C-alpha atoms as a PDB file:
ATOM      1  CA  MET A   1     -12.420  23.592  24.870  1.00  0.00           C
ATOM      2  CA  ASN A   2     -13.010  19.669  25.103  1.00  0.00           C
ATOM      3  CA  GLU A   3     -10.884  18.478  21.984  1.00  0.00           C
ATOM      4  CA  THR A   4      -9.092  15.414  20.825  1.00  0.00           C
ATOM      5  CA  VAL A   5      -5.751  16.265  19.259  1.00  0.00           C
ATOM      6  CA  ILE A   6      -4.382  14.105  16.733  1.00  0.00           C
ATOM      7  CA  LEU A   7      -0.483  14.383  16.298  1.00  0.00           C
ATOM      8  CA  GLY A   8       0.923  13.514  12.941  1.00  0.00           C
ATOM      9  CA  ALA A   9      -2.788  13.702  11.224  1.00  0.00           C
ATOM     10  CA  ALA A  10      -1.565  13.614   7.550  1.00  0.00           C
ATOM     11  CA  GLY A  11      -0.144  10.164   8.063  1.00  0.00           C
ATOM     12  CA  ALA A  12      -2.203   6.924   7.192  1.00  0.00           C
ATOM     13  CA  THR A  13      -3.055   5.952  10.873  1.00  0.00           C
ATOM     14  CA  GLY A  14      -3.680   9.790  11.693  1.00  0.00           C
ATOM     15  CA  GLN A  15      -6.085  10.094   8.641  1.00  0.00           C
ATOM     16  CA  ALA A  16      -7.963   6.846   9.648  1.00  0.00           C
ATOM     17  CA  VAL A  17      -8.308   7.826  13.123  1.00  0.00           C
ATOM     18  CA  GLY A  18      -9.233  11.440  12.360  1.00  0.00           C
ATOM     19  CA  LYS A  19     -11.800  10.534   9.814  1.00  0.00           C
ATOM     20  CA  GLU A  20     -13.478   7.955  11.969  1.00  0.00           C
ATOM     21  CA  LEU A  21     -13.661  10.364  14.965  1.00  0.00           C
ATOM     22  CA  ALA A  22     -14.923  13.233  12.833  1.00  0.00           C
ATOM     23  CA  LYS A  23     -17.882  10.662  11.542  1.00  0.00           C
ATOM     24  CA  ARG A  24     -18.538  10.266  15.245  1.00  0.00           C
ATOM     25  CA  GLY A  25     -19.050  13.861  15.876  1.00  0.00           C
ATOM     26  CA  VAL A  26     -15.683  14.273  18.117  1.00  0.00           C
ATOM     27  CA  ASN A  27     -14.473  17.905  18.061  1.00  0.00           C
ATOM     28  CA  LEU A  28     -10.806  17.488  16.478  1.00  0.00           C
ATOM     29  CA  ARG A  29      -7.708  19.455  16.376  1.00  0.00           C
ATOM     30  CA  LEU A  30      -5.442  18.289  13.716  1.00  0.00           C
ATOM     31  CA  ILE A  31      -1.702  18.724  14.157  1.00  0.00           C
ATOM     32  CA  GLY A  32       1.293  18.465  11.688  1.00  0.00           C
ATOM     33  CA  ARG A  33       4.382  20.104  10.425  1.00  0.00           C
ATOM     34  CA  ARG A  34       2.558  21.629   7.325  1.00  0.00           C
ATOM     35  CA  ASP A  35      -1.176  22.351   6.731  1.00  0.00           C
ATOM     36  CA  LYS A  36      -1.583  21.611   3.124  1.00  0.00           C
ATOM     37  CA  PRO A  37      -1.228  17.795   3.609  1.00  0.00           C
ATOM     38  CA  ILE A  38      -3.694  17.737   6.306  1.00  0.00           C
ATOM     39  CA  GLN A  39      -6.145  19.999   4.429  1.00  0.00           C
ATOM     40  CA  ASP A  40      -5.878  17.586   1.428  1.00  0.00           C
ATOM     41  CA  ALA A  41      -6.452  14.502   3.450  1.00  0.00           C
ATOM     42  CA  PHE A  42      -9.423  16.054   5.303  1.00  0.00           C
ATOM     43  CA  ALA A  43     -11.085  18.032   2.534  1.00  0.00           C
ATOM     44  CA  GLY A  44     -14.645  18.712   3.173  1.00  0.00           C
ATOM     45  CA  ILE A  45     -14.457  17.659   7.000  1.00  0.00           C
ATOM     46  CA  ASP A  46     -14.773  20.517   9.464  1.00  0.00           C
ATOM     47  CA  THR A  47     -11.762  20.598  11.867  1.00  0.00           C
ATOM     48  CA  ASP A  48      -9.106  22.795  13.381  1.00  0.00           C
ATOM     49  CA  ILE A  49      -5.551  22.442  11.799  1.00  0.00           C
ATOM     50  CA  VAL A  50      -2.737  23.669  13.673  1.00  0.00           C
ATOM     51  CA  VAL A  51       0.703  23.824  12.394  1.00  0.00           C
ATOM     52  CA  ALA A  52       3.272  23.014  15.218  1.00  0.00           C
ATOM     53  CA  ASP A  53       6.875  22.247  16.122  1.00  0.00           C
ATOM     54  CA  LEU A  54       6.398  19.233  18.276  1.00  0.00           C
ATOM     55  CA  GLU A  55       9.973  18.876  19.131  1.00  0.00           C
ATOM     56  CA  THR A  56       9.759  21.922  21.572  1.00  0.00           C
ATOM     57  CA  VAL A  57       7.883  21.886  24.595  1.00  0.00           C
ATOM     58  CA  GLU A  58       6.261  25.207  24.024  1.00  0.00           C
ATOM     59  CA  GLY A  59       5.277  24.171  20.522  1.00  0.00           C
ATOM     60  CA  ALA A  60       3.735  20.961  21.569  1.00  0.00           C
ATOM     61  CA  ARG A  61       1.972  22.407  24.580  1.00  0.00           C
ATOM     62  CA  GLN A  62       0.325  25.395  22.586  1.00  0.00           C
ATOM     63  CA  ALA A  63      -0.725  22.487  19.992  1.00  0.00           C
ATOM     64  CA  MET A  64      -2.424  20.674  22.906  1.00  0.00           C
ATOM     65  CA  GLN A  65      -3.523  23.396  24.951  1.00  0.00           C
ATOM     66  CA  GLY A  66      -7.432  22.945  25.908  1.00  0.00           C
ATOM     67  CA  ALA A  67      -7.430  19.406  24.706  1.00  0.00           C
ATOM     68  CA  SER A  68      -8.502  16.293  26.828  1.00  0.00           C
ATOM     69  CA  VAL A  69      -7.158  13.684  24.673  1.00  0.00           C
ATOM     70  CA  ALA A  70      -4.088  13.320  22.473  1.00  0.00           C
ATOM     71  CA  ILE A  71      -3.462  10.590  19.921  1.00  0.00           C
ATOM     72  CA  MET A  72       0.068   9.964  18.832  1.00  0.00           C
ATOM     73  CA  CYS A  73       0.321   9.140  15.295  1.00  0.00           C
ATOM     74  CA  VAL A  74       3.690  10.544  14.238  1.00  0.00           C
ATOM     75  CA  GLY A  75       5.803   8.152  12.012  1.00  0.00           C
ATOM     76  CA  LEU A  76       9.335   8.761  11.593  1.00  0.00           C
ATOM     77  CA  PRO A  77      11.684   7.655   8.814  1.00  0.00           C
ATOM     78  CA  TYR A  78      13.990   4.654   9.436  1.00  0.00           C
ATOM     79  CA  THR A  79      17.029   6.971   9.240  1.00  0.00           C
ATOM     80  CA  GLN A  80      15.540   9.157  12.170  1.00  0.00           C
ATOM     81  CA  PHE A  81      14.493   6.472  14.797  1.00  0.00           C
ATOM     82  CA  ASN A  82      16.827   8.040  16.968  1.00  0.00           C
ATOM     83  CA  ARG A  83      14.337  10.911  17.308  1.00  0.00           C
ATOM     84  CA  TYR A  84      11.685   8.858  18.967  1.00  0.00           C
ATOM     85  CA  PRO A  85      12.749   9.146  22.684  1.00  0.00           C
ATOM     86  CA  SER A  86      13.304  12.889  22.586  1.00  0.00           C
ATOM     87  CA  LEU A  87      10.352  13.541  20.739  1.00  0.00           C
ATOM     88  CA  MET A  88       8.218  11.558  23.015  1.00  0.00           C
ATOM     89  CA  ARG A  89       9.706  13.028  26.082  1.00  0.00           C
ATOM     90  CA  THR A  90       8.924  16.655  24.628  1.00  0.00           C
ATOM     91  CA  ILE A  91       5.194  15.592  23.918  1.00  0.00           C
ATOM     92  CA  VAL A  92       4.523  13.954  27.237  1.00  0.00           C
ATOM     93  CA  GLN A  93       5.935  16.844  29.120  1.00  0.00           C
ATOM     94  CA  ALA A  94       3.763  19.320  26.901  1.00  0.00           C
ATOM     95  CA  ALA A  95       0.744  17.118  27.430  1.00  0.00           C
ATOM     96  CA  GLU A  96       1.009  17.109  31.232  1.00  0.00           C
ATOM     97  CA  GLN A  97       1.448  20.842  31.214  1.00  0.00           C
ATOM     98  CA  ALA A  98      -1.415  21.219  28.930  1.00  0.00           C
ATOM     99  CA  ALA A  99      -3.650  19.329  31.360  1.00  0.00           C
ATOM    100  CA  VAL A 100      -4.384  16.469  28.693  1.00  0.00           C
ATOM    101  CA  LYS A 101      -6.070  13.782  30.417  1.00  0.00           C
ATOM    102  CA  ARG A 102      -5.615  10.589  28.112  1.00  0.00           C
ATOM    103  CA  PHE A 103      -2.936   9.751  25.580  1.00  0.00           C
ATOM    104  CA  VAL A 104      -3.032   7.006  23.082  1.00  0.00           C
ATOM    105  CA  LEU A 105       0.230   5.948  21.293  1.00  0.00           C
ATOM    106  CA  LEU A 106       0.158   3.870  18.198  1.00  0.00           C
ATOM    107  CA  THR A 107       3.177   1.722  17.510  1.00  0.00           C
ATOM    108  CA  ASN A 108       4.667  -1.462  16.125  1.00  0.00           C
ATOM    109  CA  ILE A 109       6.022  -4.720  17.076  1.00  0.00           C
ATOM    110  CA  TYR A 110       9.614  -3.736  17.117  1.00  0.00           C
ATOM    111  CA  PRO A 111      10.095  -3.349  21.038  1.00  0.00           C
ATOM    112  CA  TYR A 112       9.360  -7.118  21.360  1.00  0.00           C
ATOM    113  CA  GLY A 113      12.450  -8.127  19.542  1.00  0.00           C
ATOM    114  CA  ARG A 114      12.716 -11.877  18.244  1.00  0.00           C
ATOM    115  CA  PRO A 115       9.548 -13.758  19.606  1.00  0.00           C
ATOM    116  CA  GLN A 116       9.980 -16.055  22.417  1.00  0.00           C
ATOM    117  CA  THR A 117       6.627 -17.650  21.665  1.00  0.00           C
ATOM    118  CA  GLU A 118       4.698 -18.535  18.416  1.00  0.00           C
ATOM    119  CA  ILE A 119       1.963 -16.196  19.372  1.00  0.00           C
ATOM    120  CA  VAL A 120       2.753 -12.741  20.908  1.00  0.00           C
ATOM    121  CA  LEU A 121       0.644 -11.483  23.821  1.00  0.00           C
ATOM    122  CA  GLU A 122       1.016  -8.001  25.432  1.00  0.00           C
ATOM    123  CA  THR A 123       2.633  -9.726  28.291  1.00  0.00           C
ATOM    124  CA  HIS A 124       5.597 -10.914  26.022  1.00  0.00           C
ATOM    125  CA  PRO A 125       8.898  -9.510  27.217  1.00  0.00           C
ATOM    126  CA  ARG A 126       9.859  -6.242  25.531  1.00  0.00           C
ATOM    127  CA  ASN A 127      13.383  -7.182  24.676  1.00  0.00           C
ATOM    128  CA  PRO A 128      14.636  -5.662  21.470  1.00  0.00           C
ATOM    129  CA  HIS A 129      17.822  -6.568  19.880  1.00  0.00           C
ATOM    130  CA  THR A 130      17.791  -3.915  17.230  1.00  0.00           C
ATOM    131  CA  PHE A 131      18.294  -0.101  17.445  1.00  0.00           C
ATOM    132  CA  LYS A 132      14.893   0.678  16.061  1.00  0.00           C
ATOM    133  CA  GLY A 133      13.206  -1.666  18.676  1.00  0.00           C
ATOM    134  CA  GLN A 134      15.274   0.034  21.333  1.00  0.00           C
ATOM    135  CA  MET A 135      14.201   3.467  20.183  1.00  0.00           C
ATOM    136  CA  ARG A 136      10.384   2.377  20.208  1.00  0.00           C
ATOM    137  CA  LEU A 137      10.728   0.718  23.521  1.00  0.00           C
ATOM    138  CA  GLU A 138      12.171   3.886  24.919  1.00  0.00           C
ATOM    139  CA  GLN A 139       9.247   5.905  23.443  1.00  0.00           C
ATOM    140  CA  GLU A 140       6.830   3.563  25.138  1.00  0.00           C
ATOM    141  CA  ASN A 141       8.553   3.676  28.441  1.00  0.00           C
ATOM    142  CA  ILE A 142       8.365   7.339  28.406  1.00  0.00           C
ATOM    143  CA  LEU A 143       4.590   7.279  28.235  1.00  0.00           C
ATOM    144  CA  LEU A 144       4.087   4.525  30.613  1.00  0.00           C
ATOM    145  CA  ALA A 145       6.130   6.526  33.347  1.00  0.00           C
ATOM    146  CA  SER A 146       3.868   9.557  32.882  1.00  0.00           C
ATOM    147  CA  SER A 147       0.992  10.880  35.027  1.00  0.00           C
ATOM    148  CA  LEU A 148      -1.418  10.426  31.979  1.00  0.00           C
ATOM    149  CA  ASP A 149      -4.127   7.881  31.568  1.00  0.00           C
ATOM    150  CA  TRP A 150      -2.479   6.012  28.419  1.00  0.00           C
ATOM    151  CA  ILE A 151      -3.274   3.319  25.833  1.00  0.00           C
ATOM    152  CA  VAL A 152      -0.519   1.615  23.938  1.00  0.00           C
ATOM    153  CA  LEU A 153      -1.752   0.137  20.697  1.00  0.00           C
ATOM    154  CA  GLY A 154       0.665  -2.244  18.828  1.00  0.00           C
ATOM    155  CA  LEU A 155       0.125  -2.874  15.298  1.00  0.00           C
ATOM    156  CA  PRO A 156       1.812  -5.121  12.630  1.00  0.00           C
ATOM    157  CA  ASP A 157       2.848  -4.280   9.150  1.00  0.00           C
ATOM    158  CA  PHE A 158       0.229  -2.102   7.269  1.00  0.00           C
ATOM    159  CA  PHE A 159      -1.311  -1.219   3.998  1.00  0.00           C
ATOM    160  CA  GLY A 160      -4.063   0.725   2.790  1.00  0.00           C
ATOM    161  CA  PRO A 161      -5.181   3.524   0.316  1.00  0.00           C
ATOM    162  CA  ASP A 162      -3.092   6.248   2.258  1.00  0.00           C
ATOM    163  CA  ALA A 163      -0.239   4.003   3.341  1.00  0.00           C
ATOM    164  CA  GLU A 164       2.603   5.991   1.227  1.00  0.00           C
ATOM    165  CA  LEU A 165       5.281   4.714   3.286  1.00  0.00           C
ATOM    166  CA  SER A 166       4.624   1.013   3.351  1.00  0.00           C
ATOM    167  CA  HIS A 167       6.517  -1.890   1.599  1.00  0.00           C
ATOM    168  CA  ALA A 168       2.886  -2.825   0.297  1.00  0.00           C
ATOM    169  CA  ARG A 169       2.668   0.339  -1.614  1.00  0.00           C
ATOM    170  CA  LEU A 170       5.888  -0.625  -3.512  1.00  0.00           C
ATOM    171  CA  ILE A 171       4.599  -4.056  -4.358  1.00  0.00           C
ATOM    172  CA  MET A 172       1.271  -2.355  -5.616  1.00  0.00           C
ATOM    173  CA  GLU A 173       3.415  -0.063  -7.940  1.00  0.00           C
ATOM    174  CA  ALA A 174       5.353  -3.000  -9.325  1.00  0.00           C
ATOM    175  CA  ALA A 175       2.036  -4.919  -9.989  1.00  0.00           C
ATOM    176  CA  LEU A 176       0.305  -1.952 -11.794  1.00  0.00           C
ATOM    177  CA  ALA A 177       3.539  -1.264 -13.964  1.00  0.00           C
ATOM    178  CA  GLY A 178       4.012  -4.869 -14.727  1.00  0.00           C
ATOM    179  CA  LYS A 179       7.366  -5.047 -12.944  1.00  0.00           C
ATOM    180  CA  SER A 180       8.942  -7.385 -10.434  1.00  0.00           C
ATOM    181  CA  ALA A 181       8.103  -6.995  -7.036  1.00  0.00           C
ATOM    182  CA  ASP A 182      11.023  -7.016  -4.418  1.00  0.00           C
ATOM    183  CA  LEU A 183      10.396  -9.263  -1.543  1.00  0.00           C
ATOM    184  CA  PHE A 184      12.534 -10.130   1.508  1.00  0.00           C
ATOM    185  CA  ALA A 185      13.424 -13.717   1.888  1.00  0.00           C
ATOM    186  CA  PRO A 186      12.124 -15.992   3.326  1.00  0.00           C
ATOM    187  CA  ALA A 187       8.601 -14.763   1.879  1.00  0.00           C
ATOM    188  CA  THR A 188       6.597 -17.913   2.730  1.00  0.00           C
ATOM    189  CA  THR A 189       6.717 -17.408   6.604  1.00  0.00           C
ATOM    190  CA  PRO A 190       3.410 -16.161   8.333  1.00  0.00           C
ATOM    191  CA  HIS A 191       2.905 -12.229   8.097  1.00  0.00           C
ATOM    192  CA  GLN A 192       0.297  -9.881   9.467  1.00  0.00           C
ATOM    193  CA  PHE A 193      -1.005  -6.826   7.844  1.00  0.00           C
ATOM    194  CA  VAL A 194      -3.359  -4.138   9.222  1.00  0.00           C
ATOM    195  CA  TYR A 195      -5.595  -2.245   6.739  1.00  0.00           C
ATOM    196  CA  THR A 196      -4.997   1.211   7.887  1.00  0.00           C
ATOM    197  CA  PRO A 197      -8.681   2.389   7.740  1.00  0.00           C
ATOM    198  CA  ASP A 198      -9.449  -0.386  10.285  1.00  0.00           C
ATOM    199  CA  VAL A 199      -7.361   1.297  12.960  1.00  0.00           C
ATOM    200  CA  GLY A 200      -9.889   4.284  13.152  1.00  0.00           C
ATOM    201  CA  PRO A 201     -12.841   2.540  14.791  1.00  0.00           C
ATOM    202  CA  ILE A 202     -10.697   0.729  17.033  1.00  0.00           C
ATOM    203  CA  VAL A 203      -8.985   3.836  18.504  1.00  0.00           C
ATOM    204  CA  ALA A 204     -12.594   5.493  18.487  1.00  0.00           C
ATOM    205  CA  ASP A 205     -14.027   2.584  20.491  1.00  0.00           C
ATOM    206  CA  LEU A 206     -11.133   2.586  23.066  1.00  0.00           C
ATOM    207  CA  LEU A 207     -11.694   6.498  23.434  1.00  0.00           C
ATOM    208  CA  ALA A 208     -15.224   5.817  24.345  1.00  0.00           C
ATOM    209  CA  LEU A 209     -14.412   3.635  27.176  1.00  0.00           C
ATOM    210  CA  ASP A 210     -13.994   4.973  30.774  1.00  0.00           C
ATOM    211  CA  HIS A 211     -12.211   1.701  31.628  1.00  0.00           C
ATOM    212  CA  GLY A 212      -9.328  -0.229  30.150  1.00  0.00           C
ATOM    213  CA  TRP A 213      -6.742   2.556  30.611  1.00  0.00           C
ATOM    214  CA  ARG A 214      -3.043   2.293  31.307  1.00  0.00           C
ATOM    215  CA  GLU A 215      -2.838  -0.812  29.359  1.00  0.00           C
ATOM    216  CA  VAL A 216      -1.180  -2.208  26.170  1.00  0.00           C
ATOM    217  CA  TYR A 217      -3.410  -3.698  23.504  1.00  0.00           C
ATOM    218  CA  HIS A 218      -2.884  -5.328  20.089  1.00  0.00           C
ATOM    219  CA  PHE A 219      -4.518  -5.312  16.789  1.00  0.00           C
ATOM    220  CA  ALA A 220      -3.611  -8.017  14.477  1.00  0.00           C
ATOM    221  CA  GLY A 221      -4.980  -6.917  11.466  1.00  0.00           C
ATOM    222  CA  SER A 222      -6.602  -8.924   8.511  1.00  0.00           C
ATOM    223  CA  GLY A 223      -5.310 -12.257   9.501  1.00  0.00           C
ATOM    224  CA  LEU A 224      -2.124 -14.414   8.582  1.00  0.00           C
ATOM    225  CA  ILE A 225      -0.830 -14.441   5.091  1.00  0.00           C
ATOM    226  CA  SER A 226       2.578 -15.017   3.805  1.00  0.00           C
ATOM    227  CA  LEU A 227       4.291 -12.065   2.017  1.00  0.00           C
ATOM    228  CA  GLU A 228       4.419 -14.092  -1.159  1.00  0.00           C
ATOM    229  CA  GLU A 229       0.743 -14.836  -0.924  1.00  0.00           C
ATOM    230  CA  PHE A 230       0.062 -11.056  -0.209  1.00  0.00           C
ATOM    231  CA  THR A 231       2.080 -10.270  -3.388  1.00  0.00           C
ATOM    232  CA  ARG A 232       0.173 -12.860  -5.559  1.00  0.00           C
ATOM    233  CA  GLU A 233      -3.258 -11.390  -4.502  1.00  0.00           C
ATOM    234  CA  ILE A 234      -2.091  -7.979  -5.522  1.00  0.00           C
ATOM    235  CA  PHE A 235      -0.873  -9.131  -8.945  1.00  0.00           C
ATOM    236  CA  SER A 236      -4.050 -11.229  -9.230  1.00  0.00           C
ATOM    237  CA  ALA A 237      -6.102  -8.122  -8.416  1.00  0.00           C
ATOM    238  CA  VAL A 238      -4.404  -6.340 -11.456  1.00  0.00           C
ATOM    239  CA  GLY A 239      -4.982  -9.063 -13.769  1.00  0.00           C
ATOM    240  CA  LYS A 240      -1.261  -9.876 -14.269  1.00  0.00           C
ATOM    241  CA  PRO A 241       0.894 -13.055 -13.579  1.00  0.00           C
ATOM    242  CA  PRO A 242       3.139 -12.393 -10.469  1.00  0.00           C
ATOM    243  CA  LYS A 243       6.598 -11.461 -10.910  1.00  0.00           C
ATOM    244  CA  ILE A 244       8.635 -11.740  -7.824  1.00  0.00           C
ATOM    245  CA  ARG A 245      12.250 -10.932  -6.861  1.00  0.00           C
ATOM    246  CA  LEU A 246      13.656 -12.319  -3.712  1.00  0.00           C
ATOM    247  CA  ALA A 247      16.340 -10.314  -1.709  1.00  0.00           C
ATOM    248  CA  ARG A 248      18.225 -12.220   1.080  1.00  0.00           C
ATOM    249  CA  THR A 249      19.911 -10.819   4.053  1.00  0.00           C
ATOM    250  CA  TRP A 250      23.327 -10.759   2.460  1.00  0.00           C
ATOM    251  CA  MET A 251      21.932  -8.980  -0.657  1.00  0.00           C
ATOM    252  CA  VAL A 252      20.131  -6.315   1.297  1.00  0.00           C
ATOM    253  CA  TRP A 253      23.533  -5.783   3.353  1.00  0.00           C
ATOM    254  CA  LEU A 254      25.315  -5.435   0.074  1.00  0.00           C
ATOM    255  CA  MET A 255      22.647  -2.881  -1.230  1.00  0.00           C
ATOM    256  CA  GLY A 256      22.897  -1.055   1.944  1.00  0.00           C
ATOM    257  CA  LEU A 257      26.453  -0.030   0.858  1.00  0.00           C
ATOM    258  CA  PHE A 258      24.682   2.217  -1.731  1.00  0.00           C
ATOM    259  CA  SER A 259      21.468   2.918  -0.069  1.00  0.00           C
ATOM    260  CA  PRO A 260      20.719   4.415   3.175  1.00  0.00           C
ATOM    261  CA  LEU A 261      17.541   2.728   3.258  1.00  0.00           C
ATOM    262  CA  MET A 262      18.658  -0.750   2.570  1.00  0.00           C
ATOM    263  CA  ARG A 263      21.169  -0.124   5.498  1.00  0.00           C
ATOM    264  CA  GLU A 264      18.324   0.391   7.605  1.00  0.00           C
ATOM    265  CA  LEU A 265      16.360  -2.462   6.643  1.00  0.00           C
ATOM    266  CA  VAL A 266      19.165  -5.093   7.420  1.00  0.00           C
ATOM    267  CA  GLU A 267      18.423  -5.244  11.138  1.00  0.00           C
ATOM    268  CA  LEU A 268      14.620  -5.871  10.323  1.00  0.00           C
ATOM    269  CA  MET A 269      15.285  -8.997   8.316  1.00  0.00           C
ATOM    270  CA  TYR A 270      14.570 -11.005  11.518  1.00  0.00           C
ATOM    271  CA  LEU A 271      10.995 -10.211  11.100  1.00  0.00           C
ATOM    272  CA  TYR A 272      10.875 -12.582   7.790  1.00  0.00           C
ATOM    273  CA  GLU A 273      12.818 -15.386   9.503  1.00  0.00           C
ATOM    274  CA  THR A 274      11.144 -15.604  13.118  1.00  0.00           C
ATOM    275  CA  PRO A 275       7.953 -13.320  12.677  1.00  0.00           C
ATOM    276  CA  VAL A 276       6.189 -11.783  15.341  1.00  0.00           C
ATOM    277  CA  ILE A 277       2.719 -12.960  15.355  1.00  0.00           C
ATOM    278  CA  LEU A 278       0.277 -10.770  17.552  1.00  0.00           C
ATOM    279  CA  SER A 279      -2.787 -11.840  19.260  1.00  0.00           C
ATOM    280  CA  ASP A 280      -5.537  -9.075  19.817  1.00  0.00           C
ATOM    281  CA  ALA A 281      -7.595 -11.437  22.142  1.00  0.00           C
ATOM    282  CA  LYS A 282      -7.401  -8.698  24.776  1.00  0.00           C
ATOM    283  CA  LEU A 283      -8.588  -6.031  22.789  1.00  0.00           C
ATOM    284  CA  GLU A 284     -11.274  -7.905  21.577  1.00  0.00           C
ATOM    285  CA  GLY A 285     -12.417  -9.083  24.984  1.00  0.00           C
ATOM    286  CA  LEU A 286     -12.403  -5.227  25.914  1.00  0.00           C
ATOM    287  CA  ILE A 287     -14.354  -3.632  23.056  1.00  0.00           C
ATOM    288  CA  GLY A 288     -15.999  -6.672  21.256  1.00  0.00           C
ATOM    289  CA  LYS A 289     -15.817  -8.035  17.738  1.00  0.00           C
ATOM    290  CA  LEU A 290     -13.121  -6.415  15.830  1.00  0.00           C
ATOM    291  CA  HIS A 291     -13.720  -5.568  12.079  1.00  0.00           C
ATOM    292  CA  ARG A 292     -10.963  -6.755   9.800  1.00  0.00           C
ATOM    293  CA  THR A 293     -11.143  -5.794   6.163  1.00  0.00           C
ATOM    294  CA  SER A 294     -10.281  -8.954   4.213  1.00  0.00           C
ATOM    295  CA  TYR A 295      -7.151  -8.792   1.826  1.00  0.00           C
ATOM    296  CA  ASP A 296      -9.276  -8.939  -1.091  1.00  0.00           C
ATOM    297  CA  GLU A 297     -11.121  -5.884  -0.241  1.00  0.00           C
ATOM    298  CA  GLY A 298      -8.274  -4.009   1.054  1.00  0.00           C
ATOM    299  CA  ILE A 299      -6.074  -4.660  -1.761  1.00  0.00           C
ATOM    300  CA  THR A 300      -8.818  -3.794  -4.246  1.00  0.00           C
ATOM    301  CA  LYS A 301      -9.517  -0.303  -2.582  1.00  0.00           C
ATOM    302  CA  SER A 302      -6.014   0.320  -2.267  1.00  0.00           C
ATOM    303  CA  LEU A 303      -5.308  -0.097  -5.785  1.00  0.00           C
ATOM    304  CA  GLU A 304      -8.301   1.988  -6.838  1.00  0.00           C
ATOM    305  CA  ARG A 305      -6.869   4.838  -5.041  1.00  0.00           C
ATOM    306  CA  MET A 306      -3.511   4.496  -6.558  1.00  0.00           C
ATOM    307  CA  ARG A 307      -4.918   4.297 -10.089  1.00  0.00           C
ATOM    308  CA  ALA A 308      -6.953   7.458  -9.378  1.00  0.00           C
ATOM    309  CA  LYS A 309      -4.049   9.438  -7.710  1.00  0.00           C
ATOM    310  CA  PRO A 310      -0.484   7.830  -7.596  1.00  0.00           C
ATOM    311  CA  PHE A 311       1.502   8.452  -4.709  1.00  0.00           C
ATOM    312  CA  ALA A 312       4.245  11.045  -4.531  1.00  0.00           C
ATOM    313  CA  PRO A 313       7.587   9.520  -5.114  1.00  0.00           C
ATOM    314  CA  MET A 314       8.801   7.578  -2.082  1.00  0.00           C
ATOM    315  CA  PRO A 315      11.417   9.785  -0.171  1.00  0.00           C
ATOM    316  CA  LYS A 316      14.976   8.949  -0.687  1.00  0.00           C
END
């Protein structure tokens, strides 16, 4: 059966890609560790749902058997980034055994490390100085060395109605509750956010092409905005004056003595001091004008969702 498989379908990008492909009539198979989150996310959409252990070649191969396309949307917690290479190695091996033809990897900006240019193109050196960047780079390299036709789509920071594991979610919850939003300093440098539902049409457009494979692309999201400006827009959308509390690197390091999450964030503070600003001119040259949801619209829709159905507590 000629199907498209989404690995990690319950996550924010998995949902965005799956819903857009379903809208376009693509025959989908949604893969995850548990079926209920996928059922909830895709309620009313006719798809196959498969529970699989993607960390074994046999489990991953069975999940992808008969599919022609696989899309990797699996996101791991910061404390488990060491699993990315082994997971990717297993999935790629299984995809080759299952005769998958095309493979799309959704990833982030960490493999570039500190930017060497003001605007980062796909040709920018991949020279990560952090552990997380090294793990993501190794993940990419495993795919690039495979026999599959692949596309790597690099994305910046993210927000959206289903983005439960985003920093933006915490800012929105603070605004809704009238509390202070915790930001990393400096909060006035340029930043990029992608509204996660915008990722779906881009992946769908890429899959529709017979050319442009074995290439890396960027999607730069909704445009440049500082973290402070982004936060002020969120507070404005809920009709409350902004409350901002800044955390500097030494403060994050100190909090890391008591919080595993804060320990993991210390090495990423460079992104606020020397931001990685992506160019997506290459992608736009391939598939045409890119739809970018405005920050106003994206924030409004995200807040509407959170009011209607608050997220589950953030994992500790």
